[in-house]
Amino acid sequence: MTAAPVHTPTFARISMKDRLIKMMPILLVPILILLGFFAIGAPSSWLTLTVSGLAMGMMLFIMASGLTLVFGLMDVINFGHGAFISVGAFVGISVLIALGEWTGTASLLLNMTAVFLAVVAAMVATGALGWGFERVIVKPVYGTHLKQILVTVGGLIVIEQLIHVIWGPDEIFINRPETLKGAVTFLGAAMEKYRLMAVGIGLVLFVVMRMILRRTKIGLIVRAGVENGPMVEALGYRLRMVFIGVFIAGSALAGLGGVMWGLYQEVITAGMGEEMMVLIFIVVIIGGLGSVEGAFIGALLVGVLQNYVAYLEPKLALVSNIALMTAILMWRPQGMLPVVKAK
């Protein structure tokens, strides 16, 4: 008798290779942090800059996550997203100013309650604004990117001018709640309390969004709609309603990001959202259009890199993120973790 031929399981080797290729974008953030440690040299400065970069990255992710879902699911290029950031900041900060007695006391409970109410007000306002923006401005131009760019930029300008009318043209300087002022010292590094809180909020939001998208029915519909919308509609789901819900959620997240960015900068202006759109689009593009995980990694890369470069060579800080986007797109033209759409 002849022995049965032995088949080599080549699929295992291929599967491991694919897994390593998929893991490469995830490793970019720790690799960048490690390179920053060697470039900066001083451990305390490196730790301070890293925490600051992560905090900035988390806030960029909050602002960019809604936009990447809107583009991935609805194929809408929404430059008006910056207006939601500005409106969220002004509404939230107005609430904090009105609750000045709560923010001025050293009570952690009252401070966090004031911040929570400010965030809720900002998200409700920008969610409602997003609903109206989608119905009036975006709906007539579905499927036409050039018209989307033109009308959403126009909407951005109109909303900015309305902010001038309601809140005035001047910058508004703000103070953080008392318990969020100052810094804590760890291993000789001073880390601002607010930035540590921003890192925590960003992580929690990412975990919650990931769980919703991967472990709930509505998340399954959203992900399926991103990859193959016609098939989802053929199965009887009203994808149009999902579109509206995602747009409202993305607008509300922009409002949350606006409040956090305003407290981070301690000053708000009508044009702050427009100024942030460059970084937000860089995050969305390098992460992969429609990918929340890609936007998360991209935001951390942008935040950490900008802080490192600003410390090591301030003149290059403005071009560092453009260079990062160029390098990522040369390596992966569709972004780090793109959503593969069905053809």
Protein backbone atom coordinates (compact mmCIF):
# COMPACT_ATOMS: atom_id res chain seq x y z
CA MET A 1 0.00 0.00 0.00
CA THR A 2 1.16 3.50 -0.71
CA ALA A 3 1.00 6.10 1.96
CA ALA A 4 -1.55 8.84 1.57
CA PRO A 5 0.00 12.03 0.26
CA VAL A 6 0.77 14.62 2.86
CA HIS A 7 -0.75 18.01 2.11
CA THR A 8 1.13 20.98 3.45
CA PRO A 9 -1.27 23.46 5.05
CA THR A 10 -0.01 26.48 3.15
CA PHE A 11 -3.16 28.39 4.10
CA ALA A 12 -1.84 28.74 7.67
CA ARG A 13 1.29 30.53 6.46
CA ILE A 14 -0.75 32.83 4.22
CA SER A 15 -3.22 33.54 7.01
CA MET A 16 -0.40 34.51 9.39
CA LYS A 17 1.13 36.79 6.76
CA ASP A 18 -2.21 38.52 6.18
CA ARG A 19 -2.63 38.90 9.91
CA LEU A 20 0.78 40.56 10.26
CA ILE A 21 0.03 42.92 7.37
CA LYS A 22 -3.25 43.87 9.04
CA MET A 23 -1.47 44.47 12.35
CA MET A 24 1.11 46.84 10.87
CA PRO A 25 -1.06 50.01 11.07
CA ILE A 26 -1.90 49.22 14.70
CA LEU A 27 1.82 49.06 15.54
CA LEU A 28 2.52 52.51 14.09
CA VAL A 29 1.46 54.39 17.23
CA PRO A 30 3.69 52.47 19.69
CA ILE A 31 6.55 52.61 17.15
CA LEU A 32 6.17 56.40 16.87
CA ILE A 33 6.08 56.75 20.67
CA LEU A 34 9.23 54.63 20.96
CA LEU A 35 11.02 56.68 18.30
CA GLY A 36 9.95 59.83 20.13
CA PHE A 37 11.54 58.53 23.32
CA PHE A 38 14.92 58.14 21.64
CA ALA A 39 14.64 61.45 19.76
CA ILE A 40 13.63 63.55 22.79
CA GLY A 41 15.98 61.92 25.25
CA ALA A 42 14.60 63.34 28.51
CA PRO A 43 12.04 60.84 29.89
CA SER A 44 10.01 63.48 31.72
CA SER A 45 9.66 65.69 28.61
CA TRP A 46 8.85 62.65 26.49
CA LEU A 47 6.09 61.53 28.88
CA THR A 48 4.57 65.02 29.04
CA LEU A 49 4.59 65.36 25.25
CA THR A 50 3.19 61.86 24.77
CA VAL A 51 0.23 62.45 27.09
CA SER A 52 -0.42 65.81 25.43
CA GLY A 53 -0.26 64.19 21.98
CA LEU A 54 -2.59 61.37 22.99
CA ALA A 55 -5.08 63.88 24.43
CA MET A 56 -5.00 65.90 21.21
CA GLY A 57 -5.39 62.70 19.20
CA MET A 58 -8.39 61.58 21.24
CA MET A 59 -10.16 64.89 20.65
CA LEU A 60 -9.38 64.69 16.94
CA PHE A 61 -10.84 61.19 16.91
CA ILE A 62 -14.05 62.37 18.58
CA MET A 63 -14.45 65.07 15.94
CA ALA A 64 -13.42 62.82 13.02
CA SER A 65 -15.30 59.63 13.90
CA GLY A 66 -18.69 61.02 12.91
CA LEU A 67 -17.34 62.42 9.65
CA THR A 68 -15.73 59.14 8.60
CA LEU A 69 -18.98 57.23 9.22
CA VAL A 70 -20.98 59.82 7.27
CA PHE A 71 -18.62 59.55 4.32
CA GLY A 72 -18.38 55.77 4.49
CA LEU A 73 -22.13 55.14 4.79
CA MET A 74 -23.61 58.09 2.90
CA ASP A 75 -20.77 58.96 0.49
CA VAL A 76 -21.11 62.60 1.58
CA ILE A 77 -18.18 65.01 1.73
CA ASN A 78 -19.39 67.36 4.45
CA PHE A 79 -17.24 70.45 4.95
CA GLY A 80 -20.04 71.79 7.13
CA HIS A 81 -18.84 69.40 9.84
CA GLY A 82 -16.60 72.20 11.09
CA ALA A 83 -19.66 74.35 11.81
CA PHE A 84 -20.99 71.69 14.19
CA ILE A 85 -17.69 71.81 16.09
CA SER A 86 -17.96 75.59 16.51
CA VAL A 87 -21.65 75.53 17.47
CA GLY A 88 -21.01 72.74 19.98
CA ALA A 89 -18.19 74.73 21.55
CA PHE A 90 -20.28 77.92 21.87
CA VAL A 91 -23.34 76.14 23.25
CA GLY A 92 -21.31 74.07 25.71
CA ILE A 93 -19.18 76.95 26.90
CA SER A 94 -22.28 79.13 27.31
CA VAL A 95 -23.69 76.49 29.66
CA LEU A 96 -20.42 76.38 31.61
CA ILE A 97 -20.40 80.17 31.93
CA ALA A 98 -24.01 80.10 33.16
CA LEU A 99 -22.98 77.47 35.74
CA GLY A 100 -20.02 79.55 36.89
CA GLU A 101 -20.78 78.88 40.56
CA TRP A 102 -20.47 75.16 39.93
CA THR A 103 -17.28 75.38 37.87
CA GLY A 104 -15.65 77.87 40.26
CA THR A 105 -15.90 75.64 43.31
CA ALA A 106 -13.40 72.94 44.24
CA SER A 107 -16.12 70.26 44.24
CA LEU A 108 -15.37 67.49 41.75
CA LEU A 109 -19.04 66.47 41.68
CA LEU A 110 -20.28 69.96 40.80
CA ASN A 111 -17.49 70.47 38.24
CA MET A 112 -18.22 67.21 36.46
CA THR A 113 -21.98 67.83 36.59
CA ALA A 114 -21.46 71.21 34.91
CA VAL A 115 -19.25 69.68 32.22
CA PHE A 116 -21.77 66.87 31.67
CA LEU A 117 -24.65 69.32 31.24
CA ALA A 118 -22.53 71.41 28.86
CA VAL A 119 -21.72 68.35 26.76
CA VAL A 120 -25.35 67.20 26.68
CA ALA A 121 -26.52 70.67 25.60
CA ALA A 122 -23.84 70.84 22.89
CA MET A 123 -24.65 67.38 21.54
CA VAL A 124 -28.41 68.02 21.49
CA ALA A 125 -27.92 71.36 19.72
CA THR A 126 -25.50 70.02 17.10
CA GLY A 127 -27.52 66.84 16.61
CA ALA A 128 -30.61 68.96 15.84
CA LEU A 129 -28.53 71.25 13.63
CA GLY A 130 -27.16 68.21 11.81
CA TRP A 131 -30.68 66.93 11.14
CA GLY A 132 -31.69 70.24 9.61
CA PHE A 133 -28.42 70.51 7.68
CA GLU A 134 -28.93 67.06 6.16
CA ARG A 135 -32.55 67.69 5.20
CA VAL A 136 -32.06 71.16 3.71
CA ILE A 137 -28.49 71.25 2.36
CA VAL A 138 -27.12 67.72 1.93
CA LYS A 139 -30.18 65.75 0.75
CA PRO A 140 -30.54 67.54 -2.63
CA VAL A 141 -26.91 66.79 -3.59
CA TYR A 142 -26.53 63.09 -2.76
CA GLY A 143 -24.21 61.38 -5.23
CA THR A 144 -22.55 64.57 -6.51
CA HIS A 145 -19.30 65.27 -4.69
CA LEU A 146 -18.55 68.62 -6.32
CA LYS A 147 -21.96 70.00 -5.39
CA GLN A 148 -21.59 68.57 -1.88
CA ILE A 149 -18.33 70.45 -1.39
CA LEU A 150 -19.82 73.71 -2.66
CA VAL A 151 -23.07 73.63 -0.68
CA THR A 152 -21.54 72.36 2.58
CA VAL A 153 -18.82 75.02 2.46
CA GLY A 154 -21.61 77.54 1.92
CA GLY A 155 -23.48 76.11 4.90
CA LEU A 156 -20.31 76.36 7.00
CA ILE A 157 -19.94 80.06 6.15
CA VAL A 158 -23.60 80.81 6.92
CA ILE A 159 -23.46 79.06 10.31
CA GLU A 160 -20.23 80.86 11.22
CA GLN A 161 -21.92 84.18 10.50
CA LEU A 162 -24.91 83.16 12.61
CA ILE A 163 -22.47 82.48 15.48
CA HIS A 164 -21.22 86.07 15.08
CA VAL A 165 -24.82 87.31 15.24
CA ILE A 166 -25.73 85.29 18.36
CA TRP A 167 -22.50 85.34 20.38
CA GLY A 168 -20.67 88.28 18.84
CA PRO A 169 -17.50 88.45 16.72
CA ASP A 170 -14.96 88.40 19.56
CA GLU A 171 -13.04 85.46 20.95
CA ILE A 172 -14.38 84.07 24.21
CA PHE A 173 -11.74 83.14 26.76
CA ILE A 174 -12.71 80.54 29.31
CA ASN A 175 -11.43 78.93 32.47
CA ARG A 176 -11.57 75.21 33.07
CA PRO A 177 -13.45 73.96 36.13
CA GLU A 178 -11.33 74.18 39.27
CA THR A 179 -10.71 70.45 39.64
CA LEU A 180 -9.51 70.21 36.03
CA LYS A 181 -6.91 72.94 36.43
CA GLY A 182 -3.27 72.21 37.13
CA ALA A 183 -1.29 69.05 36.61
CA VAL A 184 -0.23 65.87 38.34
CA THR A 185 3.39 64.78 38.54
CA PHE A 186 4.41 61.27 37.56
CA LEU A 187 8.03 60.15 37.17
CA GLY A 188 9.10 63.78 37.08
CA ALA A 189 6.68 64.64 34.26
CA ALA A 190 3.89 67.21 34.66
CA MET A 191 0.67 65.99 33.05
CA GLU A 192 -2.35 68.27 32.91
CA LYS A 193 -5.44 66.86 34.57
CA TYR A 194 -7.67 67.90 31.70
CA ARG A 195 -5.52 66.13 29.13
CA LEU A 196 -5.59 62.94 31.18
CA MET A 197 -9.39 63.22 31.29
CA ALA A 198 -9.49 63.76 27.51
CA VAL A 199 -7.47 60.57 26.97
CA GLY A 200 -9.91 58.64 29.16
CA ILE A 201 -13.01 60.03 27.41
CA GLY A 202 -11.54 59.28 23.98
CA LEU A 203 -10.73 55.68 24.94
CA VAL A 204 -14.20 55.11 26.39
CA LEU A 205 -15.87 56.56 23.29
CA PHE A 206 -13.78 54.40 20.97
CA VAL A 207 -14.62 51.23 22.93
CA VAL A 208 -18.34 52.12 23.00
CA MET A 209 -18.44 52.91 19.26
CA ARG A 210 -16.59 49.71 18.45
CA MET A 211 -18.98 47.63 20.57
CA ILE A 212 -22.04 49.29 19.00
CA LEU A 213 -20.76 48.77 15.47
CA ARG A 214 -19.70 45.16 16.04
CA ARG A 215 -22.13 43.74 18.61
CA THR A 216 -25.50 45.38 17.97
CA LYS A 217 -28.04 45.03 15.20
CA ILE A 218 -27.93 48.71 14.28
CA GLY A 219 -24.14 48.51 14.17
CA LEU A 220 -24.36 45.53 11.84
CA ILE A 221 -26.72 47.46 9.55
CA VAL A 222 -24.39 50.48 9.52
CA ARG A 223 -21.33 48.36 8.71
CA ALA A 224 -23.22 46.43 6.05
CA GLY A 225 -24.52 49.69 4.61
CA VAL A 226 -20.98 51.03 4.36
CA GLU A 227 -19.85 47.94 2.46
CA ASN A 228 -22.93 47.21 0.33
CA GLY A 229 -25.87 49.59 0.68
CA PRO A 230 -28.06 48.15 -2.12
CA MET A 231 -27.92 44.68 -0.56
CA VAL A 232 -29.00 46.04 2.83
CA GLU A 233 -31.97 47.78 1.22
CA ALA A 234 -32.84 44.61 -0.69
CA LEU A 235 -33.12 42.82 2.66
CA GLY A 236 -35.86 45.24 3.69
CA TYR A 237 -33.99 47.67 5.92
CA ARG A 238 -34.70 51.39 5.57
CA LEU A 239 -31.16 52.52 4.98
CA ARG A 240 -32.36 56.09 4.47
CA MET A 241 -33.38 56.27 8.15
CA VAL A 242 -30.01 54.84 9.12
CA PHE A 243 -28.39 57.57 7.01
CA ILE A 244 -30.19 60.28 8.96
CA GLY A 245 -29.38 58.67 12.32
CA VAL A 246 -25.68 58.41 11.47
CA PHE A 247 -25.60 62.02 10.29
CA ILE A 248 -27.23 63.22 13.53
CA ALA A 249 -24.85 61.08 15.63
CA GLY A 250 -21.84 62.37 13.71
CA SER A 251 -22.99 65.97 14.21
CA ALA A 252 -23.51 65.36 17.94
CA LEU A 253 -19.99 63.90 18.24
CA ALA A 254 -18.65 67.02 16.53
CA GLY A 255 -20.42 69.07 19.23
CA LEU A 256 -18.81 66.97 21.95
CA GLY A 257 -15.43 67.45 20.30
CA GLY A 258 -16.05 71.20 20.09
CA VAL A 259 -16.64 71.49 23.84
CA MET A 260 -13.55 69.43 24.63
CA TRP A 261 -11.38 71.35 22.16
CA GLY A 262 -12.60 74.67 23.54
CA LEU A 263 -11.65 73.64 27.08
CA TYR A 264 -8.34 72.31 25.75
CA GLN A 265 -7.47 75.63 24.08
CA GLU A 266 -9.28 77.76 26.70
CA VAL A 267 -10.56 80.03 23.94
CA ILE A 268 -13.30 79.62 21.32
CA THR A 269 -13.93 81.39 18.02
CA ALA A 270 -16.52 81.07 15.27
CA GLY A 271 -13.83 79.80 12.89
CA MET A 272 -12.35 77.15 15.21
CA GLY A 273 -14.22 74.33 13.50
CA GLU A 274 -13.12 75.44 10.06
CA GLU A 275 -9.51 75.56 11.25
CA MET A 276 -9.79 72.00 12.63
CA MET A 277 -11.15 70.57 9.38
CA VAL A 278 -7.67 70.26 7.84
CA LEU A 279 -6.50 67.96 10.63
CA ILE A 280 -9.83 66.11 10.67
CA PHE A 281 -9.69 65.36 6.96
CA ILE A 282 -6.07 64.20 7.33
CA VAL A 283 -7.22 61.79 10.05
CA VAL A 284 -10.14 60.50 7.97
CA ILE A 285 -8.02 60.05 4.82
CA ILE A 286 -5.05 58.27 6.39
CA GLY A 287 -7.33 56.10 8.54
CA GLY A 288 -9.36 54.85 5.56
CA LEU A 289 -12.71 56.33 4.60
CA GLY A 290 -15.51 54.78 6.62
CA SER A 291 -13.22 53.12 9.18
CA VAL A 292 -13.66 54.09 12.85
CA GLU A 293 -10.62 52.02 13.84
CA GLY A 294 -8.56 53.69 11.12
CA ALA A 295 -9.69 57.14 12.27
CA PHE A 296 -8.67 56.25 15.84
CA ILE A 297 -5.16 55.21 14.81
CA GLY A 298 -4.83 58.15 12.42
CA ALA A 299 -5.89 60.65 15.10
CA LEU A 300 -3.34 59.31 17.58
CA LEU A 301 -0.59 59.45 14.95
CA VAL A 302 -1.45 63.05 14.07
CA GLY A 303 -1.66 64.20 17.69
CA VAL A 304 1.52 62.51 18.89
CA LEU A 305 3.58 63.43 15.82
CA GLN A 306 2.58 67.10 15.95
CA ASN A 307 3.58 67.37 19.62
CA TYR A 308 6.93 65.65 19.08
CA VAL A 309 7.82 67.72 16.01
CA ALA A 310 6.70 70.99 17.65
CA TYR A 311 9.12 70.24 20.50
CA LEU A 312 12.06 69.02 18.39
CA GLU A 313 11.76 71.37 15.39
CA PRO A 314 8.94 73.93 15.72
CA LYS A 315 9.32 75.21 12.14
CA LEU A 316 8.38 71.79 10.79
CA ALA A 317 5.26 71.34 12.96
CA LEU A 318 2.94 72.82 10.31
CA VAL A 319 4.05 70.41 7.59
CA SER A 320 4.55 67.30 9.73
CA ASN A 321 0.97 66.06 9.32
CA ILE A 322 0.95 66.68 5.57
CA ALA A 323 4.17 64.68 5.35
CA LEU A 324 2.57 61.93 7.47
CA MET A 325 -0.46 61.79 5.15
CA THR A 326 1.78 61.65 2.09
CA ALA A 327 3.85 58.80 3.55
CA ILE A 328 0.78 56.79 4.60
CA LEU A 329 -0.91 57.17 1.20
CA MET A 330 2.26 56.18 -0.64
CA TRP A 331 2.32 53.04 1.51
CA ARG A 332 -1.45 52.39 1.53
CA PRO A 333 -3.31 54.51 -1.05
CA GLN A 334 -6.72 53.60 0.44
CA GLY A 335 -5.69 54.41 4.00
CA MET A 336 -4.49 52.22 6.85
CA LEU A 337 -7.71 50.31 7.58
CA PRO A 338 -10.08 51.02 4.68
CA VAL A 339 -13.58 49.61 4.47
CA VAL A 340 -13.77 47.31 1.47
CA LYS A 341 -16.93 48.07 -0.47
CA ALA A 342 -18.68 45.44 -2.52
CA LYS A 343 -18.58 46.01 -6.28
